[in-house]
Amino acid sequence: MISFRYHLITLAAVFVALGVGILLGGTVGHPWFSKGAQEILAKMEAKYDRALKSNHDLKKQINRLLQEVEQSNQEVVHMMAMRYGNDLAGKKVYVWQDADKEAKQITRLMHAVGIHVIRYEGGGTWEDGLLLVVAGQPPLWLEQRADAGKWLWIEQEPDSLAKQWALLEKVQQEMTEMRVGREKS
């Protein structure tokens, strides 16, 4: 005897096979389906080609804009060097950085205006220059050594040209105060 489940599965398989047969038989004999599919495919290819061209044009534009920004940045750095070069060229700046902070941009900026940058490890003095402390908080040893020289706390590296300009302005002010203090004594 045939079980009900076997009978139901067989009936479902017959209907699935019938549906697949009707679908295949109906589409093979009619060219309208392939023409429609080809039109859709051609439209999609055209859209894809336009998107590729647009993407290529945008990449060119981005590269051109990046070159313009780089050129503008170089011009600003040159202007900074002209503005601060006379006052700061040949001066010494000591840089101490916290373990989780970096001072690459600051070092590059100071070199651009002619400042001699010395990495400060601690323990020595910085009387002949300004100490730049790049840290989230000023270190405890700095408060104990307040008489060792002038220092400037930088919480984070300047990430824009305006902030770099402001940092150079502060460095110049501190250096001027140090020079005036030495001349008075």
Protein backbone atom coordinates (compact mmCIF):
# COMPACT_ATOMS: atom_id res chain seq x y z
CA MET A 1 0.00 0.00 0.00
CA ILE A 2 1.21 3.56 -0.79
CA SER A 3 1.53 5.90 2.17
CA PHE A 4 -0.11 9.29 2.16
CA ARG A 5 3.21 11.10 2.47
CA TYR A 6 4.67 9.29 -0.55
CA HIS A 7 1.52 10.09 -2.54
CA LEU A 8 1.72 13.81 -1.58
CA ILE A 9 5.43 14.09 -2.48
CA THR A 10 4.84 12.41 -5.84
CA LEU A 11 1.94 14.73 -6.63
CA ALA A 12 4.03 17.81 -5.72
CA ALA A 13 6.90 16.60 -7.91
CA VAL A 14 4.53 16.14 -10.86
CA PHE A 15 3.22 19.69 -10.50
CA VAL A 16 6.74 21.16 -10.19
CA ALA A 17 7.83 19.27 -13.32
CA LEU A 18 4.71 20.48 -15.14
CA GLY A 19 5.44 24.09 -14.17
CA VAL A 20 9.06 23.89 -15.28
CA GLY A 21 8.01 22.32 -18.57
CA ILE A 22 5.44 25.03 -19.28
CA LEU A 23 7.97 27.76 -18.44
CA LEU A 24 10.68 26.32 -20.68
CA GLY A 25 8.32 25.49 -23.50
CA GLY A 26 6.67 28.89 -23.44
CA THR A 27 9.89 30.90 -23.48
CA VAL A 28 11.80 28.93 -26.12
CA GLY A 29 9.15 29.31 -28.75
CA HIS A 30 8.65 33.05 -28.37
CA PRO A 31 11.33 35.46 -29.60
CA TRP A 32 9.69 38.40 -27.79
CA PHE A 33 11.16 37.20 -24.49
CA SER A 34 14.72 37.14 -25.79
CA LYS A 35 14.27 40.55 -27.49
CA GLY A 36 12.99 42.06 -24.27
CA ALA A 37 15.80 40.51 -22.30
CA GLN A 38 18.34 41.81 -24.81
CA GLU A 39 16.87 45.33 -24.59
CA ILE A 40 17.05 45.23 -20.82
CA LEU A 41 20.58 43.88 -20.98
CA ALA A 42 21.62 46.60 -23.45
CA LYS A 43 20.12 49.30 -21.19
CA MET A 44 21.92 47.87 -18.17
CA GLU A 45 25.22 47.75 -20.09
CA ALA A 46 24.75 51.37 -21.17
CA LYS A 47 24.05 52.42 -17.57
CA TYR A 48 27.10 50.47 -16.41
CA ASP A 49 29.30 52.13 -19.05
CA ARG A 50 27.99 55.58 -18.03
CA ALA A 51 28.66 54.77 -14.38
CA LEU A 52 32.21 53.65 -15.21
CA LYS A 53 32.85 56.83 -17.20
CA SER A 54 31.39 58.96 -14.42
CA ASN A 55 33.53 57.11 -11.87
CA HIS A 56 36.63 57.64 -14.00
CA ASP A 57 35.83 61.36 -14.41
CA LEU A 58 35.27 61.73 -10.66
CA LYS A 59 38.58 60.01 -9.89
CA LYS A 60 40.34 62.41 -12.26
CA GLN A 61 38.63 65.35 -10.60
CA ILE A 62 39.54 64.09 -7.11
CA ASN A 63 43.19 63.64 -8.14
CA ARG A 64 43.24 67.14 -9.63
CA LEU A 65 41.71 68.60 -6.46
CA LEU A 66 44.17 66.68 -4.27
CA GLN A 67 47.04 68.11 -6.31
CA GLU A 68 45.61 71.61 -5.90
CA VAL A 69 45.24 71.09 -2.14
CA GLU A 70 48.82 69.80 -1.91
CA GLN A 71 50.07 72.79 -3.88
CA SER A 72 48.08 75.16 -1.65
CA ASN A 73 49.47 73.46 1.46
CA GLN A 74 53.00 73.85 0.13
CA GLU A 75 52.32 77.53 -0.57
CA VAL A 76 51.00 78.01 2.97
CA VAL A 77 54.03 76.25 4.45
CA HIS A 78 56.23 78.50 2.32
CA MET A 79 54.30 81.53 3.64
CA MET A 80 54.78 80.24 7.20
CA ALA A 81 58.49 79.88 6.56
CA MET A 82 58.64 83.43 5.22
CA ARG A 83 56.59 84.79 8.13
CA TYR A 84 58.38 82.97 10.95
CA GLY A 85 61.68 82.04 9.33
CA ASN A 86 63.54 85.20 10.35
CA ASP A 87 62.49 84.96 13.99
CA LEU A 88 62.65 81.20 14.46
CA ALA A 89 65.36 79.95 12.10
CA GLY A 90 68.18 78.30 14.01
CA LYS A 91 66.29 78.21 17.32
CA LYS A 92 65.98 75.01 19.34
CA VAL A 93 62.76 73.27 20.25
CA TYR A 94 62.70 70.17 22.42
CA VAL A 95 59.78 67.81 21.84
CA TRP A 96 58.55 65.39 24.49
CA GLN A 97 55.64 63.18 23.55
CA ASP A 98 53.45 60.90 25.61
CA ALA A 99 53.52 57.21 24.70
CA ASP A 100 50.14 57.37 22.96
CA LYS A 101 50.77 60.65 21.11
CA GLU A 102 52.76 61.39 17.98
CA ALA A 103 54.54 64.60 17.05
CA LYS A 104 55.41 63.95 13.40
CA GLN A 105 53.42 66.89 12.05
CA ILE A 106 54.83 69.21 14.69
CA THR A 107 58.38 68.11 13.89
CA ARG A 108 57.79 68.57 10.16
CA LEU A 109 56.26 72.01 10.76
CA MET A 110 59.17 73.15 12.94
CA HIS A 111 61.71 71.93 10.38
CA ALA A 112 59.81 73.82 7.65
CA VAL A 113 60.43 77.16 9.38
CA GLY A 114 64.06 76.40 10.21
CA ILE A 115 63.76 75.34 13.84
CA HIS A 116 66.17 72.68 15.09
CA VAL A 117 64.04 69.95 16.71
CA ILE A 118 65.52 67.80 19.47
CA ARG A 119 63.68 64.83 20.96
CA TYR A 120 63.49 65.26 24.73
CA GLU A 121 63.65 62.09 26.81
CA GLY A 122 63.58 63.66 30.24
CA GLY A 123 66.19 64.35 32.86
CA GLY A 124 68.06 67.11 31.04
CA THR A 125 67.40 70.80 30.75
CA TRP A 126 65.93 72.75 27.91
CA GLU A 127 67.14 76.22 28.93
CA ASP A 128 68.46 77.00 25.45
CA GLY A 129 65.13 76.26 23.78
CA LEU A 130 61.44 75.74 24.23
CA LEU A 131 60.00 72.39 25.36
CA LEU A 132 56.89 71.26 23.48
CA VAL A 133 54.96 68.73 25.54
CA VAL A 134 52.66 66.64 23.33
CA ALA A 135 50.39 64.81 25.77
CA GLY A 136 46.82 64.53 26.99
CA GLN A 137 47.91 66.00 30.34
CA PRO A 138 51.19 67.65 31.33
CA PRO A 139 53.39 65.01 32.99
CA LEU A 140 54.03 65.19 36.73
CA TRP A 141 57.79 65.57 36.32
CA LEU A 142 57.17 68.81 34.43
CA GLU A 143 55.60 70.52 37.44
CA GLN A 144 58.59 69.53 39.56
CA ARG A 145 60.98 70.99 36.99
CA ALA A 146 59.22 74.30 36.37
CA ASP A 147 62.53 76.16 36.75
CA ALA A 148 64.23 74.19 33.94
CA GLY A 149 62.88 76.46 31.22
CA LYS A 150 59.82 77.49 29.26
CA TRP A 151 57.44 74.86 27.95
CA LEU A 152 54.31 74.72 25.88
CA TRP A 153 51.62 72.06 26.31
CA ILE A 154 50.08 70.68 23.11
CA GLU A 155 47.13 68.38 23.78
CA GLN A 156 46.93 67.10 20.20
CA GLU A 157 48.77 67.67 16.97
CA PRO A 158 47.44 70.51 14.83
CA ASP A 159 45.35 68.90 12.10
CA SER A 160 44.68 72.00 10.02
CA LEU A 161 46.78 74.80 8.59
CA ALA A 162 45.05 77.34 10.84
CA LYS A 163 46.01 75.32 13.94
CA GLN A 164 49.57 74.94 12.66
CA TRP A 165 49.74 78.70 12.12
CA ALA A 166 48.44 79.29 15.67
CA LEU A 167 51.04 76.88 17.07
CA LEU A 168 53.84 78.72 15.28
CA GLU A 169 52.46 81.99 16.64
CA LYS A 170 52.60 80.60 20.21
CA VAL A 171 56.11 79.25 19.68
CA GLN A 172 57.24 82.63 18.36
CA GLN A 173 55.70 84.42 21.36
CA GLU A 174 57.38 82.06 23.83
CA MET A 175 60.73 82.39 22.04
CA THR A 176 60.39 86.18 22.06
CA GLU A 177 59.62 86.15 25.80
CA MET A 178 62.67 83.94 26.39
CA ARG A 179 64.89 86.28 24.35
CA VAL A 180 63.58 89.38 26.15
CA GLY A 181 64.06 87.64 29.53
CA ARG A 182 67.68 86.81 28.66
CA GLU A 183 68.35 90.37 27.49
CA LYS A 184 67.00 91.79 30.75
CA SER A 185 69.23 89.60 32.91
